[in-house]
Amino acid sequence: MWWTRTLALVGAALLAIALTATASAGAPTRERIEIDETVADEFLSEECGFPVVTTFSGHIIVREFDRLKGTVSVRTLNVLGVARANGNAVRIRDVGADHVRIAPDGTMILTIVGQIPFGPGFTGALKINLDTGEVIHEPHHFTEDVAGVCAALAA
């Protein structure tokens, strides 16, 4: 599934960024990644039981800070997915920010904030201790509605 893979890749990339931070504090580096891709959506195709093609468009902005504590990385996402099947289309939005900080005790914490569609599917904030993989805070509003998306695409 695209969103689950994205979260895993983001977490791994942010962990690598945090591990390579140095002691000097300067202005953050900034990179904007444009997204414009159409794929055979394996996740929705499997869940719905018929072929689904999804077009993703939007951008990711990555800011990296050169420091050993505090914020070391912020990645903001604004991605629109348009799933299509059987002559129907459903818009799915993935927006928010992934924030990695190193606490005073050296613990690396990833906070994922926003509107995440499938997989973990939530609106709010999810905090994870990157050193142990332990979930520190779980969101309370879950949004996964694969059945609704499939029903709209099947109609």
N, C-alpha and C. Protein backbone atom coordinates (compact mmCIF):
# COMPACT_ATOMS: atom_id res chain seq x y z
N MET A 1 0.84 -1.17 0.00
CA MET A 1 0.00 0.00 0.00
C MET A 1 0.89 1.23 0.00
N TRP A 2 0.54 2.20 -0.81
CA TRP A 2 1.37 3.38 -1.00
C TRP A 2 1.59 4.14 0.29
N TRP A 3 0.55 4.36 1.07
CA TRP A 3 0.68 5.18 2.27
C TRP A 3 1.52 4.48 3.34
N THR A 4 1.32 3.20 3.50
CA THR A 4 2.10 2.47 4.49
C THR A 4 3.56 2.46 4.11
N ARG A 5 3.84 2.23 2.83
CA ARG A 5 5.23 2.25 2.37
C ARG A 5 5.82 3.64 2.55
N THR A 6 5.04 4.67 2.27
CA THR A 6 5.53 6.04 2.43
C THR A 6 5.90 6.31 3.88
N LEU A 7 5.02 5.92 4.82
CA LEU A 7 5.31 6.15 6.23
C LEU A 7 6.57 5.40 6.65
N ALA A 8 6.74 4.17 6.18
CA ALA A 8 7.94 3.40 6.53
C ALA A 8 9.18 4.06 5.97
N LEU A 9 9.12 4.51 4.70
CA LEU A 9 10.27 5.17 4.09
C LEU A 9 10.58 6.50 4.76
N VAL A 10 9.54 7.25 5.08
CA VAL A 10 9.73 8.53 5.77
C VAL A 10 10.40 8.30 7.11
N GLY A 11 9.90 7.32 7.87
CA GLY A 11 10.49 7.02 9.18
C GLY A 11 11.95 6.63 9.05
N ALA A 12 12.27 5.77 8.09
CA ALA A 12 13.66 5.34 7.91
C ALA A 12 14.54 6.51 7.48
N ALA A 13 14.04 7.34 6.56
CA ALA A 13 14.83 8.49 6.11
C ALA A 13 15.05 9.49 7.24
N LEU A 14 14.03 9.73 8.02
CA LEU A 14 14.17 10.67 9.13
C LEU A 14 15.12 10.13 10.19
N LEU A 15 15.09 8.83 10.41
CA LEU A 15 16.03 8.23 11.36
C LEU A 15 17.46 8.41 10.86
N ALA A 16 17.69 8.17 9.58
CA ALA A 16 19.03 8.34 9.01
C ALA A 16 19.48 9.80 9.13
N ILE A 17 18.57 10.72 8.87
CA ILE A 17 18.90 12.14 8.97
C ILE A 17 19.28 12.48 10.41
N ALA A 18 18.49 12.00 11.35
CA ALA A 18 18.76 12.29 12.76
C ALA A 18 20.09 11.71 13.19
N LEU A 19 20.44 10.54 12.70
CA LEU A 19 21.69 9.91 13.11
C LEU A 19 22.91 10.62 12.54
N THR A 20 22.75 11.34 11.43
CA THR A 20 23.90 12.00 10.82
C THR A 20 24.00 13.47 11.22
N ALA A 21 23.16 13.94 12.11
CA ALA A 21 23.22 15.35 12.54
C ALA A 21 24.53 15.62 13.28
N THR A 22 25.04 16.84 13.11
CA THR A 22 26.25 17.23 13.81
C THR A 22 25.94 18.34 14.80
N ALA A 23 26.95 18.76 15.56
CA ALA A 23 26.73 19.67 16.67
C ALA A 23 26.44 21.11 16.26
N SER A 24 26.89 21.56 15.11
CA SER A 24 26.69 22.96 14.77
C SER A 24 25.25 23.22 14.36
N ALA A 25 24.76 24.41 14.72
CA ALA A 25 23.38 24.77 14.40
C ALA A 25 23.39 25.87 13.36
N GLY A 26 22.82 25.60 12.20
CA GLY A 26 22.74 26.59 11.15
C GLY A 26 21.34 26.60 10.58
N ALA A 27 21.19 27.33 9.49
CA ALA A 27 19.89 27.36 8.82
C ALA A 27 19.61 25.98 8.25
N PRO A 28 18.36 25.58 8.23
CA PRO A 28 18.04 24.25 7.70
C PRO A 28 18.22 24.19 6.19
N THR A 29 18.51 22.98 5.69
CA THR A 29 18.48 22.77 4.25
C THR A 29 17.02 22.54 3.90
N ARG A 30 16.65 22.83 2.67
CA ARG A 30 15.26 22.70 2.25
C ARG A 30 15.22 22.09 0.86
N GLU A 31 14.39 21.07 0.70
CA GLU A 31 14.22 20.43 -0.60
C GLU A 31 12.73 20.24 -0.84
N ARG A 32 12.29 20.57 -2.04
CA ARG A 32 10.89 20.37 -2.43
C ARG A 32 10.86 19.26 -3.47
N ILE A 33 10.04 18.24 -3.21
CA ILE A 33 9.93 17.10 -4.10
C ILE A 33 8.52 17.11 -4.70
N GLU A 34 8.45 17.27 -6.00
CA GLU A 34 7.15 17.27 -6.68
C GLU A 34 6.73 15.84 -6.97
N ILE A 35 5.44 15.58 -6.82
CA ILE A 35 4.90 14.25 -7.06
C ILE A 35 3.85 14.34 -8.16
N ASP A 36 4.01 13.52 -9.18
CA ASP A 36 3.04 13.42 -10.26
C ASP A 36 3.22 12.03 -10.86
N GLU A 37 2.44 11.07 -10.35
CA GLU A 37 2.64 9.67 -10.72
C GLU A 37 1.31 8.94 -10.75
N THR A 38 1.14 8.10 -11.76
CA THR A 38 -0.04 7.25 -11.87
C THR A 38 0.43 5.81 -11.76
N VAL A 39 -0.23 5.05 -10.88
CA VAL A 39 0.18 3.66 -10.63
C VAL A 39 -1.04 2.74 -10.59
N ALA A 40 -0.78 1.47 -10.91
CA ALA A 40 -1.79 0.45 -10.65
C ALA A 40 -1.78 0.28 -9.13
N ASP A 41 -2.87 0.61 -8.48
CA ASP A 41 -2.92 0.64 -7.02
C ASP A 41 -3.17 -0.77 -6.48
N GLU A 42 -2.09 -1.43 -6.09
CA GLU A 42 -2.18 -2.81 -5.61
C GLU A 42 -3.04 -2.92 -4.35
N PHE A 43 -2.90 -1.98 -3.43
CA PHE A 43 -3.65 -2.04 -2.19
C PHE A 43 -5.16 -1.95 -2.45
N LEU A 44 -5.59 -0.88 -3.15
CA LEU A 44 -7.03 -0.73 -3.40
C LEU A 44 -7.56 -1.82 -4.31
N SER A 45 -6.77 -2.26 -5.30
CA SER A 45 -7.21 -3.35 -6.18
C SER A 45 -7.48 -4.61 -5.37
N GLU A 46 -6.58 -4.92 -4.43
CA GLU A 46 -6.77 -6.11 -3.59
C GLU A 46 -7.98 -5.94 -2.67
N GLU A 47 -8.08 -4.77 -2.02
CA GLU A 47 -9.19 -4.53 -1.09
C GLU A 47 -10.54 -4.50 -1.79
N CYS A 48 -10.59 -3.91 -2.99
CA CYS A 48 -11.86 -3.74 -3.69
C CYS A 48 -12.25 -4.96 -4.51
N GLY A 49 -11.27 -5.75 -4.93
CA GLY A 49 -11.58 -6.92 -5.74
C GLY A 49 -11.68 -6.63 -7.23
N PHE A 50 -11.26 -5.45 -7.65
CA PHE A 50 -11.22 -5.08 -9.06
C PHE A 50 -10.06 -4.10 -9.26
N PRO A 51 -9.58 -3.97 -10.50
CA PRO A 51 -8.41 -3.11 -10.74
C PRO A 51 -8.71 -1.63 -10.45
N VAL A 52 -7.78 -1.00 -9.74
CA VAL A 52 -7.88 0.43 -9.42
C VAL A 52 -6.57 1.09 -9.84
N VAL A 53 -6.67 2.23 -10.50
CA VAL A 53 -5.50 3.02 -10.87
C VAL A 53 -5.60 4.33 -10.10
N THR A 54 -4.48 4.73 -9.48
CA THR A 54 -4.47 5.96 -8.69
C THR A 54 -3.41 6.92 -9.20
N THR A 55 -3.79 8.18 -9.34
CA THR A 55 -2.86 9.24 -9.72
C THR A 55 -2.56 10.05 -8.47
N PHE A 56 -1.27 10.20 -8.16
CA PHE A 56 -0.82 10.98 -7.02
C PHE A 56 -0.20 12.27 -7.53
N SER A 57 -0.60 13.39 -6.93
CA SER A 57 0.01 14.67 -7.29
C SER A 57 0.13 15.53 -6.04
N GLY A 58 1.13 16.38 -6.04
CA GLY A 58 1.37 17.25 -4.90
C GLY A 58 2.85 17.41 -4.66
N HIS A 59 3.21 17.60 -3.38
CA HIS A 59 4.62 17.80 -3.08
C HIS A 59 4.94 17.42 -1.64
N ILE A 60 6.23 17.21 -1.43
CA ILE A 60 6.78 16.97 -0.10
C ILE A 60 7.91 17.99 0.07
N ILE A 61 7.93 18.66 1.20
CA ILE A 61 9.02 19.59 1.49
C ILE A 61 9.80 19.04 2.67
N VAL A 62 11.11 18.89 2.49
CA VAL A 62 11.98 18.33 3.52
C VAL A 62 12.89 19.43 4.04
N ARG A 63 12.88 19.62 5.35
CA ARG A 63 13.79 20.57 6.00
C ARG A 63 14.65 19.78 6.98
N GLU A 64 15.96 19.93 6.86
CA GLU A 64 16.88 19.22 7.74
C GLU A 64 17.71 20.23 8.51
N PHE A 65 17.81 20.01 9.83
CA PHE A 65 18.55 20.90 10.71
C PHE A 65 19.82 20.21 11.16
N ASP A 66 20.91 20.92 11.18
CA ASP A 66 22.22 20.37 11.52
C ASP A 66 22.47 20.57 13.01
N ARG A 67 21.96 19.65 13.84
CA ARG A 67 22.11 19.76 15.29
C ARG A 67 21.97 18.40 15.96
N LEU A 68 22.38 18.32 17.21
CA LEU A 68 22.34 17.07 17.95
C LEU A 68 21.15 16.93 18.88
N LYS A 69 20.40 18.01 19.12
CA LYS A 69 19.17 17.90 19.90
C LYS A 69 18.18 18.92 19.39
N GLY A 70 16.93 18.73 19.77
CA GLY A 70 15.86 19.57 19.23
C GLY A 70 15.40 19.01 17.89
N THR A 71 14.76 19.85 17.11
CA THR A 71 14.25 19.43 15.80
C THR A 71 15.40 19.16 14.85
N VAL A 72 15.41 17.97 14.25
CA VAL A 72 16.45 17.64 13.28
C VAL A 72 15.89 17.48 11.87
N SER A 73 14.58 17.26 11.76
CA SER A 73 13.98 17.10 10.44
C SER A 73 12.48 17.38 10.50
N VAL A 74 11.99 18.08 9.47
CA VAL A 74 10.55 18.28 9.30
C VAL A 74 10.24 18.01 7.84
N ARG A 75 9.27 17.14 7.63
CA ARG A 75 8.85 16.79 6.27
C ARG A 75 7.36 17.08 6.19
N THR A 76 6.97 18.03 5.34
CA THR A 76 5.55 18.33 5.17
C THR A 76 5.06 17.71 3.87
N LEU A 77 3.85 17.17 3.92
CA LEU A 77 3.27 16.48 2.77
C LEU A 77 1.96 17.13 2.39
N ASN A 78 1.72 17.24 1.11
CA ASN A 78 0.43 17.66 0.59
C ASN A 78 0.24 16.89 -0.71
N VAL A 79 -0.38 15.72 -0.59
CA VAL A 79 -0.51 14.82 -1.73
C VAL A 79 -1.98 14.47 -1.92
N LEU A 80 -2.43 14.58 -3.16
CA LEU A 80 -3.79 14.20 -3.53
C LEU A 80 -3.71 12.92 -4.35
N GLY A 81 -4.47 11.93 -3.96
CA GLY A 81 -4.60 10.71 -4.74
C GLY A 81 -5.99 10.68 -5.34
N VAL A 82 -6.06 10.39 -6.63
CA VAL A 82 -7.36 10.22 -7.29
C VAL A 82 -7.41 8.77 -7.78
N ALA A 83 -8.21 7.96 -7.10
CA ALA A 83 -8.37 6.55 -7.45
C ALA A 83 -9.48 6.44 -8.49
N ARG A 84 -9.22 5.62 -9.53
CA ARG A 84 -10.20 5.47 -10.61
C ARG A 84 -10.44 3.99 -10.91
N ALA A 85 -11.72 3.67 -11.09
CA ALA A 85 -12.12 2.32 -11.50
C ALA A 85 -13.56 2.37 -11.97
N ASN A 86 -13.90 1.55 -12.95
CA ASN A 86 -15.28 1.40 -13.43
C ASN A 86 -15.92 2.74 -13.82
N GLY A 87 -15.13 3.66 -14.33
CA GLY A 87 -15.65 4.96 -14.74
C GLY A 87 -15.91 5.91 -13.59
N ASN A 88 -15.49 5.55 -12.38
CA ASN A 88 -15.70 6.38 -11.19
C ASN A 88 -14.35 6.86 -10.64
N ALA A 89 -14.38 7.93 -9.86
CA ALA A 89 -13.16 8.46 -9.25
C ALA A 89 -13.44 8.88 -7.81
N VAL A 90 -12.44 8.66 -6.95
CA VAL A 90 -12.52 9.07 -5.54
C VAL A 90 -11.24 9.82 -5.20
N ARG A 91 -11.40 10.98 -4.58
CA ARG A 91 -10.25 11.79 -4.15
C ARG A 91 -9.85 11.40 -2.73
N ILE A 92 -8.55 11.19 -2.55
CA ILE A 92 -8.00 10.79 -1.25
C ILE A 92 -6.84 11.73 -0.95
N ARG A 93 -6.87 12.39 0.20
CA ARG A 93 -5.83 13.37 0.52
C ARG A 93 -4.95 12.87 1.66
N ASP A 94 -3.64 13.08 1.50
CA ASP A 94 -2.64 12.77 2.53
C ASP A 94 -1.90 14.07 2.80
N VAL A 95 -2.20 14.70 3.95
CA VAL A 95 -1.58 15.98 4.28
C VAL A 95 -1.07 15.94 5.72
N GLY A 96 -0.03 16.71 5.97
CA GLY A 96 0.47 16.79 7.33
C GLY A 96 1.97 16.99 7.37
N ALA A 97 2.53 16.67 8.53
CA ALA A 97 3.96 16.85 8.74
C ALA A 97 4.52 15.69 9.55
N ASP A 98 5.74 15.32 9.22
CA ASP A 98 6.50 14.34 9.99
C ASP A 98 7.65 15.10 10.62
N HIS A 99 7.76 15.03 11.92
CA HIS A 99 8.72 15.84 12.68
C HIS A 99 9.60 14.92 13.51
N VAL A 100 10.91 15.02 13.34
CA VAL A 100 11.83 14.23 14.16
C VAL A 100 12.60 15.19 15.05
N ARG A 101 12.62 14.87 16.34
CA ARG A 101 13.39 15.68 17.27
C ARG A 101 14.18 14.76 18.19
N ILE A 102 15.27 15.29 18.67
CA ILE A 102 16.08 14.57 19.64
C ILE A 102 15.88 15.25 20.98
N ALA A 103 15.33 14.50 21.93
CA ALA A 103 15.05 15.02 23.27
C ALA A 103 16.35 15.25 24.02
N PRO A 104 16.32 16.02 25.11
CA PRO A 104 17.53 16.28 25.90
C PRO A 104 18.24 15.01 26.37
N ASP A 105 17.47 13.92 26.56
CA ASP A 105 18.10 12.66 27.00
C ASP A 105 18.65 11.85 25.82
N GLY A 106 18.54 12.39 24.59
CA GLY A 106 19.07 11.71 23.41
C GLY A 106 18.07 10.85 22.67
N THR A 107 16.86 10.72 23.19
CA THR A 107 15.83 9.91 22.55
C THR A 107 15.35 10.59 21.28
N MET A 108 15.25 9.82 20.19
CA MET A 108 14.72 10.35 18.93
C MET A 108 13.23 10.04 18.86
N ILE A 109 12.44 11.08 18.60
CA ILE A 109 10.99 10.93 18.57
C ILE A 109 10.46 11.41 17.22
N LEU A 110 9.67 10.56 16.57
CA LEU A 110 9.00 10.90 15.33
C LEU A 110 7.55 11.22 15.66
N THR A 111 7.09 12.40 15.24
CA THR A 111 5.68 12.78 15.39
C THR A 111 5.10 12.94 14.00
N ILE A 112 4.05 12.17 13.71
CA ILE A 112 3.36 12.26 12.43
C ILE A 112 2.03 12.94 12.71
N VAL A 113 1.84 14.11 12.10
CA VAL A 113 0.65 14.92 12.35
C VAL A 113 -0.08 15.14 11.03
N GLY A 114 -1.39 15.02 11.05
CA GLY A 114 -2.15 15.37 9.86
C GLY A 114 -3.31 14.45 9.61
N GLN A 115 -3.62 14.33 8.33
CA GLN A 115 -4.71 13.50 7.85
C GLN A 115 -4.08 12.41 7.00
N ILE A 116 -4.02 11.21 7.55
CA ILE A 116 -3.40 10.07 6.89
C ILE A 116 -4.52 9.14 6.45
N PRO A 117 -4.61 8.82 5.15
CA PRO A 117 -5.74 8.01 4.71
C PRO A 117 -5.65 6.57 5.20
N PHE A 118 -5.20 5.63 4.44
CA PHE A 118 -5.26 4.22 4.79
C PHE A 118 -4.06 3.78 5.62
N GLY A 119 -4.00 2.46 5.87
CA GLY A 119 -2.90 1.93 6.68
C GLY A 119 -3.20 2.25 8.12
N PRO A 120 -2.42 3.20 8.70
CA PRO A 120 -2.79 3.61 10.05
C PRO A 120 -4.07 4.44 10.04
N GLY A 121 -4.39 5.12 8.95
CA GLY A 121 -5.62 5.87 8.78
C GLY A 121 -6.08 6.68 9.97
N PHE A 122 -5.59 7.91 10.10
CA PHE A 122 -6.00 8.73 11.23
C PHE A 122 -5.93 10.20 10.91
N THR A 123 -6.59 10.98 11.74
CA THR A 123 -6.45 12.43 11.76
C THR A 123 -5.98 12.76 13.16
N GLY A 124 -4.89 13.51 13.27
CA GLY A 124 -4.34 13.83 14.58
C GLY A 124 -2.85 13.64 14.60
N ALA A 125 -2.34 13.10 15.71
CA ALA A 125 -0.90 12.94 15.88
C ALA A 125 -0.56 11.54 16.39
N LEU A 126 0.51 11.00 15.82
CA LEU A 126 1.07 9.72 16.24
C LEU A 126 2.52 9.98 16.61
N LYS A 127 2.93 9.60 17.83
CA LYS A 127 4.32 9.79 18.26
C LYS A 127 4.97 8.44 18.50
N ILE A 128 6.19 8.30 17.95
CA ILE A 128 6.91 7.03 18.04
C ILE A 128 8.33 7.29 18.52
N ASN A 129 8.77 6.51 19.49
CA ASN A 129 10.17 6.54 19.94
C ASN A 129 10.96 5.76 18.89
N LEU A 130 11.81 6.45 18.11
CA LEU A 130 12.54 5.80 17.04
C LEU A 130 13.63 4.88 17.55
N ASP A 131 14.06 5.05 18.78
CA ASP A 131 15.08 4.18 19.35
C ASP A 131 14.51 2.80 19.67
N THR A 132 13.27 2.76 20.15
CA THR A 132 12.67 1.49 20.59
C THR A 132 11.52 1.02 19.71
N GLY A 133 10.96 1.91 18.89
CA GLY A 133 9.79 1.58 18.08
C GLY A 133 8.49 1.69 18.86
N GLU A 134 8.58 2.07 20.14
CA GLU A 134 7.41 2.18 21.01
C GLU A 134 6.54 3.37 20.60
N VAL A 135 5.22 3.13 20.56
CA VAL A 135 4.28 4.22 20.30
C VAL A 135 4.08 4.97 21.60
N ILE A 136 4.38 6.27 21.58
CA ILE A 136 4.28 7.12 22.77
C ILE A 136 2.88 7.73 22.88
N HIS A 137 2.31 8.07 21.72
CA HIS A 137 0.98 8.69 21.69
C HIS A 137 0.26 8.20 20.45
N GLU A 138 -0.97 7.75 20.63
CA GLU A 138 -1.79 7.31 19.50
C GLU A 138 -2.88 8.33 19.23
N PRO A 139 -3.20 8.54 17.95
CA PRO A 139 -4.32 9.42 17.64
C PRO A 139 -5.63 8.76 18.08
N HIS A 140 -6.66 9.56 18.24
CA HIS A 140 -7.94 9.04 18.71
C HIS A 140 -9.01 9.04 17.62
N HIS A 141 -8.71 9.67 16.48
CA HIS A 141 -9.71 9.74 15.41
C HIS A 141 -9.18 8.96 14.21
N PHE A 142 -9.74 7.78 13.97
CA PHE A 142 -9.29 6.95 12.87
C PHE A 142 -10.19 7.15 11.67
N THR A 143 -9.58 7.19 10.47
CA THR A 143 -10.31 7.59 9.27
C THR A 143 -10.35 6.54 8.17
N GLU A 144 -9.80 5.37 8.40
CA GLU A 144 -9.73 4.39 7.33
C GLU A 144 -11.14 4.00 6.89
N ASP A 145 -11.42 4.19 5.61
CA ASP A 145 -12.73 3.85 5.07
C ASP A 145 -12.53 3.21 3.70
N VAL A 146 -11.79 2.11 3.68
CA VAL A 146 -11.52 1.42 2.42
C VAL A 146 -12.82 0.92 1.81
N ALA A 147 -13.72 0.42 2.64
CA ALA A 147 -15.00 -0.11 2.12
C ALA A 147 -15.79 1.00 1.41
N GLY A 148 -15.77 2.21 1.97
CA GLY A 148 -16.48 3.33 1.35
C GLY A 148 -15.86 3.73 0.01
N VAL A 149 -14.54 3.71 -0.05
CA VAL A 149 -13.85 4.03 -1.29
C VAL A 149 -14.18 2.97 -2.34
N CYS A 150 -14.11 1.70 -1.96
CA CYS A 150 -14.43 0.62 -2.89
C CYS A 150 -15.87 0.71 -3.38
N ALA A 151 -16.80 1.02 -2.48
CA ALA A 151 -18.21 1.14 -2.87
C ALA A 151 -18.40 2.27 -3.88
N ALA A 152 -17.71 3.40 -3.65
CA ALA A 152 -17.83 4.54 -4.58
C ALA A 152 -17.22 4.21 -5.94
N LEU A 153 -16.14 3.42 -5.94
CA LEU A 153 -15.50 3.05 -7.20
C LEU A 153 -16.27 1.97 -7.95
N ALA A 154 -17.02 1.16 -7.22
CA ALA A 154 -17.77 0.06 -7.84
C ALA A 154 -19.09 0.52 -8.44
N ALA A 155 -19.65 1.60 -7.93
CA ALA A 155 -21.00 2.05 -8.33
C ALA A 155 -21.09 2.36 -9.80
